[in-house]
């Protein structure tokens, strides 16, 4: 299977950033592009709005600015490790839905995702983003565990 487009999903956690090494390795061996995607949840934290007397718009703007800075830093770091083209993307919505939607829109050949990110306890209640992507994506999914083992789901 020839890879032209690899999607690296990140929530900026240490575990999700470890997955970049697999994305870089595959991109270099296949001469593929790396799309790095971060998804911002749709709703602003209600507690911050009430506590700090901020508008939802101001909080969303601040969250977007912070995400852009973090993604820019990651892309810069990745560019120092590879000559592969890196395409940074930020979307707003439900993480697994946006990852799968983007993979379909951009004809992604492989999704690389960490199985353990920021969610922690909540993932036990709702199911992990990686698990939902694994079950709904049309392309292969490379799921990286925290100890850097990986499992490949064929497309």
N, C-alpha and C. Protein backbone atom coordinates (compact mmCIF):
# COMPACT_ATOMS: atom_id res chain seq x y z
N UNK A 1 0.85 -1.18 0.00
CA UNK A 1 0.00 0.00 0.00
C UNK A 1 0.89 1.24 0.00
N UNK A 2 0.70 2.10 -0.98
CA UNK A 2 1.45 3.34 -1.07
C UNK A 2 0.79 4.40 -0.20
N UNK A 3 1.60 5.10 0.57
CA UNK A 3 1.10 6.17 1.42
C UNK A 3 1.49 7.52 0.83
N UNK A 4 0.49 8.37 0.63
CA UNK A 4 0.75 9.72 0.15
C UNK A 4 0.45 10.75 1.23
N UNK A 5 -0.54 10.43 2.09
CA UNK A 5 -0.99 11.35 3.13
C UNK A 5 -1.16 10.61 4.45
N UNK A 6 -0.44 11.07 5.47
CA UNK A 6 -0.51 10.48 6.79
C UNK A 6 -1.10 11.53 7.73
N UNK A 7 -2.08 11.14 8.52
CA UNK A 7 -2.69 12.05 9.48
C UNK A 7 -2.19 11.71 10.88
N UNK A 8 -1.56 12.68 11.52
CA UNK A 8 -1.12 12.54 12.91
C UNK A 8 -2.08 13.35 13.77
N UNK A 9 -2.86 12.68 14.59
CA UNK A 9 -3.81 13.36 15.48
C UNK A 9 -3.11 13.64 16.80
N UNK A 10 -3.29 14.87 17.32
CA UNK A 10 -2.64 15.22 18.58
C UNK A 10 -3.56 16.02 19.49
N UNK A 11 -3.44 15.77 20.78
CA UNK A 11 -4.12 16.61 21.78
C UNK A 11 -3.07 17.35 22.61
N UNK A 12 -1.84 17.35 22.11
CA UNK A 12 -0.67 18.01 22.71
C UNK A 12 -0.15 17.30 23.96
N UNK A 13 -0.70 16.16 24.31
CA UNK A 13 -0.18 15.41 25.45
C UNK A 13 1.15 14.75 25.05
N UNK A 14 1.92 14.36 26.07
CA UNK A 14 3.20 13.68 25.84
C UNK A 14 3.00 12.42 24.99
N UNK A 15 1.97 11.65 25.33
CA UNK A 15 1.73 10.40 24.60
C UNK A 15 1.39 10.66 23.13
N UNK A 16 0.57 11.66 22.88
CA UNK A 16 0.21 11.91 21.48
C UNK A 16 1.40 12.45 20.70
N UNK A 17 2.29 13.17 21.38
CA UNK A 17 3.48 13.69 20.69
C UNK A 17 4.48 12.59 20.39
N UNK A 18 4.51 11.52 21.20
CA UNK A 18 5.38 10.39 20.90
C UNK A 18 5.01 9.74 19.57
N UNK A 19 3.76 9.82 19.19
CA UNK A 19 3.29 9.21 17.94
C UNK A 19 3.92 9.87 16.72
N UNK A 20 4.44 11.09 16.87
CA UNK A 20 5.03 11.78 15.72
C UNK A 20 6.20 10.99 15.14
N UNK A 21 6.93 10.24 15.96
CA UNK A 21 8.09 9.49 15.46
C UNK A 21 7.66 8.41 14.47
N UNK A 22 6.53 7.80 14.72
CA UNK A 22 6.00 6.80 13.79
C UNK A 22 5.52 7.46 12.51
N UNK A 23 4.86 8.61 12.64
CA UNK A 23 4.39 9.34 11.46
C UNK A 23 5.57 9.78 10.60
N UNK A 24 6.60 10.31 11.24
CA UNK A 24 7.79 10.76 10.51
C UNK A 24 8.46 9.58 9.81
N UNK A 25 8.62 8.48 10.53
CA UNK A 25 9.26 7.29 9.96
C UNK A 25 8.52 6.80 8.72
N UNK A 26 7.20 6.69 8.84
CA UNK A 26 6.41 6.23 7.69
C UNK A 26 6.42 7.23 6.54
N UNK A 27 6.34 8.52 6.87
CA UNK A 27 6.35 9.56 5.83
C UNK A 27 7.66 9.53 5.06
N UNK A 28 8.76 9.38 5.77
CA UNK A 28 10.05 9.36 5.09
C UNK A 28 10.22 8.11 4.23
N UNK A 29 9.78 6.97 4.72
CA UNK A 29 9.93 5.74 3.93
C UNK A 29 9.00 5.70 2.72
N UNK A 30 7.90 6.45 2.77
CA UNK A 30 6.92 6.45 1.68
C UNK A 30 6.90 7.76 0.88
N UNK A 31 7.73 8.72 1.29
CA UNK A 31 7.72 10.05 0.67
C UNK A 31 6.32 10.67 0.73
N UNK A 32 5.73 10.59 1.90
CA UNK A 32 4.35 11.05 2.11
C UNK A 32 4.32 12.38 2.86
N UNK A 33 3.19 13.06 2.78
CA UNK A 33 2.95 14.28 3.55
C UNK A 33 2.39 13.89 4.91
N UNK A 34 2.69 14.73 5.93
CA UNK A 34 2.12 14.52 7.26
C UNK A 34 1.15 15.66 7.54
N UNK A 35 -0.11 15.31 7.77
CA UNK A 35 -1.12 16.28 8.20
C UNK A 35 -1.19 16.12 9.71
N UNK A 36 -0.92 17.19 10.47
CA UNK A 36 -1.01 17.10 11.92
C UNK A 36 -2.25 17.87 12.36
N UNK A 37 -3.16 17.16 13.01
CA UNK A 37 -4.48 17.71 13.34
C UNK A 37 -4.71 17.76 14.84
N UNK A 38 -5.14 18.93 15.30
CA UNK A 38 -5.58 19.11 16.68
C UNK A 38 -7.04 19.55 16.64
N UNK A 39 -7.87 18.93 17.47
CA UNK A 39 -9.29 19.28 17.52
C UNK A 39 -9.59 19.97 18.85
N UNK A 40 -10.19 21.15 18.75
CA UNK A 40 -10.64 21.90 19.92
C UNK A 40 -12.11 21.56 20.14
N UNK A 41 -12.46 21.22 21.37
CA UNK A 41 -13.86 20.92 21.68
C UNK A 41 -14.73 22.13 21.37
N UNK A 42 -15.95 21.89 20.95
CA UNK A 42 -16.87 22.95 20.54
C UNK A 42 -17.19 23.96 21.63
N UNK A 43 -17.36 23.49 22.85
CA UNK A 43 -17.86 24.38 23.90
C UNK A 43 -16.75 24.90 24.78
N UNK A 44 -16.86 26.17 25.13
CA UNK A 44 -15.90 26.79 26.05
C UNK A 44 -16.18 26.30 27.47
N UNK A 45 -15.16 26.26 28.32
CA UNK A 45 -15.38 25.85 29.71
C UNK A 45 -16.31 26.83 30.43
N UNK A 46 -17.46 26.37 30.82
CA UNK A 46 -18.48 27.21 31.46
C UNK A 46 -17.95 27.83 32.76
N UNK A 47 -17.19 27.06 33.54
CA UNK A 47 -16.68 27.56 34.80
C UNK A 47 -15.81 28.80 34.59
N UNK A 48 -14.98 28.78 33.56
CA UNK A 48 -14.11 29.93 33.30
C UNK A 48 -14.93 31.16 32.92
N UNK A 49 -16.00 30.95 32.17
CA UNK A 49 -16.85 32.07 31.77
C UNK A 49 -17.45 32.74 33.01
N UNK A 50 -17.98 31.94 33.90
CA UNK A 50 -18.63 32.49 35.11
C UNK A 50 -17.62 33.06 36.10
N UNK A 51 -16.52 32.35 36.31
CA UNK A 51 -15.53 32.75 37.30
C UNK A 51 -14.79 34.02 36.88
N UNK A 52 -14.40 34.10 35.63
CA UNK A 52 -13.56 35.21 35.17
C UNK A 52 -14.35 36.30 34.45
N UNK A 53 -15.66 36.14 34.39
CA UNK A 53 -16.51 37.11 33.70
C UNK A 53 -16.05 37.35 32.27
N UNK A 54 -15.78 36.26 31.56
CA UNK A 54 -15.36 36.34 30.17
C UNK A 54 -16.50 35.91 29.26
N UNK A 55 -16.46 36.37 28.03
CA UNK A 55 -17.46 35.91 27.07
C UNK A 55 -16.98 34.60 26.46
N UNK A 56 -17.92 33.84 25.96
CA UNK A 56 -17.56 32.58 25.30
C UNK A 56 -16.65 32.86 24.12
N UNK A 57 -16.90 33.95 23.40
CA UNK A 57 -16.07 34.33 22.26
C UNK A 57 -14.62 34.57 22.64
N UNK A 58 -14.42 35.29 23.75
CA UNK A 58 -13.05 35.57 24.21
C UNK A 58 -12.33 34.29 24.61
N UNK A 59 -13.04 33.41 25.28
CA UNK A 59 -12.42 32.15 25.69
C UNK A 59 -12.08 31.30 24.47
N UNK A 60 -13.01 31.20 23.52
CA UNK A 60 -12.74 30.43 22.31
C UNK A 60 -11.56 31.00 21.53
N UNK A 61 -11.47 32.32 21.48
CA UNK A 61 -10.35 32.97 20.79
C UNK A 61 -9.03 32.65 21.49
N UNK A 62 -9.04 32.70 22.81
CA UNK A 62 -7.85 32.38 23.59
C UNK A 62 -7.44 30.92 23.41
N UNK A 63 -8.41 30.03 23.41
CA UNK A 63 -8.12 28.60 23.21
C UNK A 63 -7.53 28.38 21.83
N UNK A 64 -8.07 29.04 20.82
CA UNK A 64 -7.56 28.90 19.45
C UNK A 64 -6.12 29.43 19.35
N UNK A 65 -5.87 30.58 19.95
CA UNK A 65 -4.52 31.16 19.92
C UNK A 65 -3.51 30.23 20.59
N UNK A 66 -3.89 29.67 21.72
CA UNK A 66 -3.00 28.75 22.44
C UNK A 66 -2.73 27.49 21.60
N UNK A 67 -3.77 26.96 20.97
CA UNK A 67 -3.61 25.78 20.12
C UNK A 67 -2.70 26.08 18.93
N UNK A 68 -2.87 27.25 18.33
CA UNK A 68 -2.03 27.63 17.19
C UNK A 68 -0.56 27.71 17.61
N UNK A 69 -0.28 28.28 18.78
CA UNK A 69 1.09 28.38 19.27
C UNK A 69 1.69 27.00 19.51
N UNK A 70 0.91 26.13 20.16
CA UNK A 70 1.41 24.78 20.44
C UNK A 70 1.65 24.00 19.16
N UNK A 71 0.73 24.11 18.21
CA UNK A 71 0.87 23.38 16.95
C UNK A 71 2.06 23.92 16.15
N UNK A 72 2.24 25.22 16.15
CA UNK A 72 3.38 25.83 15.46
C UNK A 72 4.70 25.31 16.04
N UNK A 73 4.77 25.19 17.35
CA UNK A 73 5.99 24.68 18.01
C UNK A 73 6.24 23.22 17.61
N UNK A 74 5.19 22.42 17.60
CA UNK A 74 5.33 21.01 17.23
C UNK A 74 5.78 20.88 15.78
N UNK A 75 5.18 21.65 14.89
CA UNK A 75 5.54 21.60 13.47
C UNK A 75 7.00 22.00 13.30
N UNK A 76 7.42 23.04 14.00
CA UNK A 76 8.82 23.49 13.92
C UNK A 76 9.76 22.37 14.39
N UNK A 77 9.40 21.72 15.49
CA UNK A 77 10.19 20.62 16.01
C UNK A 77 10.24 19.46 15.00
N UNK A 78 9.09 19.14 14.42
CA UNK A 78 9.05 18.04 13.45
C UNK A 78 9.87 18.37 12.20
N UNK A 79 9.83 19.62 11.76
CA UNK A 79 10.59 20.01 10.56
C UNK A 79 12.09 19.88 10.78
N UNK A 80 12.52 19.95 12.04
CA UNK A 80 13.94 19.76 12.32
C UNK A 80 14.34 18.29 12.26
N UNK A 81 13.34 17.40 12.22
CA UNK A 81 13.59 15.96 12.21
C UNK A 81 13.31 15.29 10.87
N UNK A 82 12.63 16.01 9.96
CA UNK A 82 12.25 15.39 8.70
C UNK A 82 12.15 16.42 7.58
N UNK A 83 12.30 15.92 6.37
CA UNK A 83 12.10 16.79 5.20
C UNK A 83 10.70 16.60 4.62
N UNK A 84 9.92 15.73 5.24
CA UNK A 84 8.54 15.50 4.76
C UNK A 84 7.73 16.79 4.90
N UNK A 85 6.81 17.01 3.97
CA UNK A 85 5.92 18.16 4.06
C UNK A 85 4.97 17.96 5.24
N UNK A 86 4.82 19.01 6.05
CA UNK A 86 3.95 18.94 7.23
C UNK A 86 2.86 19.98 7.09
N UNK A 87 1.62 19.54 7.21
CA UNK A 87 0.45 20.40 7.05
C UNK A 87 -0.27 20.49 8.39
N UNK A 88 -0.16 21.64 9.08
CA UNK A 88 -0.85 21.80 10.37
C UNK A 88 -2.32 22.17 10.19
N UNK A 89 -3.18 21.56 11.00
CA UNK A 89 -4.62 21.82 10.89
C UNK A 89 -5.22 21.86 12.29
N UNK A 90 -6.10 22.85 12.51
CA UNK A 90 -6.86 22.91 13.76
C UNK A 90 -8.33 22.94 13.37
N UNK A 91 -9.09 22.10 14.02
CA UNK A 91 -10.54 22.07 13.81
C UNK A 91 -11.24 22.17 15.15
N UNK A 92 -12.50 22.52 15.10
CA UNK A 92 -13.33 22.62 16.30
C UNK A 92 -14.46 21.59 16.16
N UNK A 93 -14.68 20.82 17.22
CA UNK A 93 -15.76 19.84 17.17
C UNK A 93 -15.49 18.68 18.11
N UNK A 94 -16.08 17.54 17.80
CA UNK A 94 -15.87 16.31 18.56
C UNK A 94 -14.64 15.63 17.95
N UNK A 95 -13.65 15.36 18.78
CA UNK A 95 -12.33 14.92 18.29
C UNK A 95 -12.39 13.77 17.29
N UNK A 96 -12.98 12.65 17.67
CA UNK A 96 -12.94 11.50 16.77
C UNK A 96 -13.72 11.77 15.48
N UNK A 97 -14.81 12.52 15.56
CA UNK A 97 -15.58 12.84 14.36
C UNK A 97 -14.78 13.72 13.41
N UNK A 98 -14.09 14.71 13.95
CA UNK A 98 -13.29 15.60 13.11
C UNK A 98 -12.09 14.89 12.50
N UNK A 99 -11.48 13.98 13.25
CA UNK A 99 -10.35 13.21 12.73
C UNK A 99 -10.80 12.36 11.55
N UNK A 100 -11.90 11.65 11.72
CA UNK A 100 -12.41 10.79 10.65
C UNK A 100 -12.88 11.63 9.46
N UNK A 101 -13.58 12.72 9.73
CA UNK A 101 -14.06 13.60 8.65
C UNK A 101 -12.88 14.14 7.84
N UNK A 102 -11.86 14.62 8.53
CA UNK A 102 -10.68 15.15 7.85
C UNK A 102 -10.00 14.06 7.02
N UNK A 103 -9.90 12.87 7.59
CA UNK A 103 -9.25 11.77 6.86
C UNK A 103 -9.99 11.45 5.57
N UNK A 104 -11.30 11.55 5.60
CA UNK A 104 -12.09 11.31 4.38
C UNK A 104 -11.93 12.45 3.38
N UNK A 105 -11.98 13.68 3.87
CA UNK A 105 -11.88 14.86 3.00
C UNK A 105 -10.55 14.94 2.27
N UNK A 106 -9.47 14.58 2.95
CA UNK A 106 -8.12 14.73 2.41
C UNK A 106 -7.52 13.43 1.88
N UNK A 107 -8.34 12.40 1.74
CA UNK A 107 -7.86 11.11 1.24
C UNK A 107 -6.62 10.61 2.00
N UNK A 108 -6.75 10.61 3.31
CA UNK A 108 -5.66 10.15 4.16
C UNK A 108 -5.50 8.64 4.00
N UNK A 109 -4.25 8.21 3.88
CA UNK A 109 -3.95 6.80 3.70
C UNK A 109 -3.67 6.07 5.01
N UNK A 110 -3.29 6.82 6.06
CA UNK A 110 -2.97 6.22 7.35
C UNK A 110 -3.19 7.27 8.43
N UNK A 111 -3.87 6.90 9.50
CA UNK A 111 -4.03 7.76 10.67
C UNK A 111 -3.12 7.22 11.77
N UNK A 112 -2.29 8.10 12.34
CA UNK A 112 -1.43 7.73 13.46
C UNK A 112 -1.98 8.46 14.67
N UNK A 113 -2.30 7.70 15.72
CA UNK A 113 -2.94 8.29 16.90
C UNK A 113 -2.47 7.57 18.16
N UNK A 114 -2.34 8.31 19.23
CA UNK A 114 -1.96 7.74 20.52
C UNK A 114 -3.20 7.18 21.21
N UNK A 115 -3.01 6.10 21.95
CA UNK A 115 -4.14 5.51 22.68
C UNK A 115 -4.34 6.13 24.04
N UNK A 116 -3.44 6.99 24.48
CA UNK A 116 -3.59 7.62 25.78
C UNK A 116 -3.17 9.07 25.70
N UNK A 117 -4.13 9.96 25.93
CA UNK A 117 -3.83 11.38 25.86
C UNK A 117 -4.27 12.09 27.11
N UNK A 118 -4.85 13.28 26.96
CA UNK A 118 -5.22 14.12 28.09
C UNK A 118 -6.46 13.64 28.83
N UNK A 119 -7.30 12.85 28.23
CA UNK A 119 -8.61 12.55 28.79
C UNK A 119 -8.55 11.79 30.11
N UNK A 120 -7.64 10.80 30.21
CA UNK A 120 -7.50 10.07 31.47
C UNK A 120 -8.77 9.34 31.89
N UNK A 121 -9.28 9.68 33.06
CA UNK A 121 -10.43 8.99 33.63
C UNK A 121 -11.67 9.09 32.74
N UNK A 122 -11.88 10.25 32.10
CA UNK A 122 -13.08 10.42 31.27
C UNK A 122 -13.14 9.42 30.13
N UNK A 123 -11.99 9.03 29.59
CA UNK A 123 -12.02 8.08 28.47
C UNK A 123 -12.62 6.75 28.90
N UNK A 124 -12.46 6.40 30.16
CA UNK A 124 -13.06 5.16 30.65
C UNK A 124 -14.59 5.24 30.62
N UNK A 125 -15.10 6.44 30.79
CA UNK A 125 -16.55 6.62 30.77
C UNK A 125 -17.10 6.72 29.35
N UNK A 126 -16.36 7.37 28.46
CA UNK A 126 -16.88 7.66 27.13
C UNK A 126 -16.24 6.81 26.03
N UNK A 127 -15.18 6.10 26.31
CA UNK A 127 -14.43 5.42 25.27
C UNK A 127 -13.38 6.38 24.75
N UNK A 128 -12.23 5.87 24.39
CA UNK A 128 -11.15 6.75 23.96
C UNK A 128 -11.37 7.26 22.54
N UNK A 129 -10.77 8.40 22.25
CA UNK A 129 -10.81 8.96 20.90
C UNK A 129 -10.18 7.97 19.94
N UNK A 130 -9.02 7.42 20.33
CA UNK A 130 -8.32 6.46 19.46
C UNK A 130 -9.20 5.26 19.13
N UNK A 131 -9.91 4.76 20.13
CA UNK A 131 -10.79 3.61 19.89
C UNK A 131 -11.91 3.96 18.91
N UNK A 132 -12.51 5.13 19.07
CA UNK A 132 -13.59 5.54 18.17
C UNK A 132 -13.08 5.77 16.75
N UNK A 133 -11.89 6.35 16.64
CA UNK A 133 -11.29 6.54 15.31
C UNK A 133 -11.02 5.18 14.69
N UNK A 134 -10.45 4.28 15.46
CA UNK A 134 -10.12 2.93 15.02
C UNK A 134 -11.35 2.23 14.42
N UNK A 135 -12.50 2.40 15.06
CA UNK A 135 -13.71 1.70 14.62
C UNK A 135 -14.47 2.42 13.52
N UNK A 136 -14.22 3.71 13.30
CA UNK A 136 -15.01 4.45 12.30
C UNK A 136 -14.24 4.91 11.08
N UNK A 137 -12.93 4.91 11.14
CA UNK A 137 -12.13 5.37 10.00
C UNK A 137 -12.17 4.37 8.86
N UNK A 138 -12.12 4.88 7.64
CA UNK A 138 -12.12 4.03 6.45
C UNK A 138 -10.72 3.59 6.05
N UNK A 139 -9.71 4.31 6.55
CA UNK A 139 -8.33 3.98 6.22
C UNK A 139 -7.68 3.26 7.40
N UNK A 140 -6.49 2.70 7.20
CA UNK A 140 -5.79 2.05 8.31
C UNK A 140 -5.48 3.05 9.42
N UNK A 141 -5.47 2.55 10.66
CA UNK A 141 -5.18 3.36 11.83
C UNK A 141 -4.02 2.71 12.58
N UNK A 142 -2.96 3.48 12.82
CA UNK A 142 -1.83 3.02 13.60
C UNK A 142 -1.98 3.60 14.98
N UNK A 143 -2.33 2.75 15.96
CA UNK A 143 -2.58 3.20 17.33
C UNK A 143 -1.34 2.97 18.17
N UNK A 144 -0.79 4.07 18.71
CA UNK A 144 0.44 4.00 19.49
C UNK A 144 0.07 4.01 20.98
N UNK A 145 0.52 3.00 21.71
CA UNK A 145 0.25 2.93 23.16
C UNK A 145 1.29 3.77 23.91
N UNK A 146 1.02 4.12 25.17
CA UNK A 146 1.97 4.95 25.93
C UNK A 146 3.38 4.37 26.01
N UNK A 147 3.52 3.06 25.99
CA UNK A 147 4.85 2.47 26.05
C UNK A 147 5.45 2.29 24.65
N UNK A 148 4.85 2.96 23.67
CA UNK A 148 5.32 3.06 22.30
C UNK A 148 5.20 1.76 21.51
N UNK A 149 4.39 0.83 21.95
CA UNK A 149 4.07 -0.31 21.11
C UNK A 149 3.01 0.19 20.14
N UNK A 150 2.80 -0.50 19.03
CA UNK A 150 1.76 -0.04 18.13
C UNK A 150 0.99 -1.20 17.53
N UNK A 151 -0.26 -0.89 17.18
CA UNK A 151 -1.15 -1.86 16.57
C UNK A 151 -1.71 -1.25 15.31
N UNK A 152 -1.64 -1.99 14.21
CA UNK A 152 -2.11 -1.48 12.93
C UNK A 152 -3.42 -2.13 12.57
N UNK A 153 -4.45 -1.30 12.34
CA UNK A 153 -5.73 -1.80 11.85
C UNK A 153 -5.72 -1.64 10.35
N UNK A 154 -5.88 -2.71 9.61
CA UNK A 154 -5.89 -2.60 8.16
C UNK A 154 -7.09 -1.79 7.68
N UNK A 155 -6.97 -1.19 6.52
CA UNK A 155 -8.05 -0.35 5.96
C UNK A 155 -9.14 -1.14 5.34
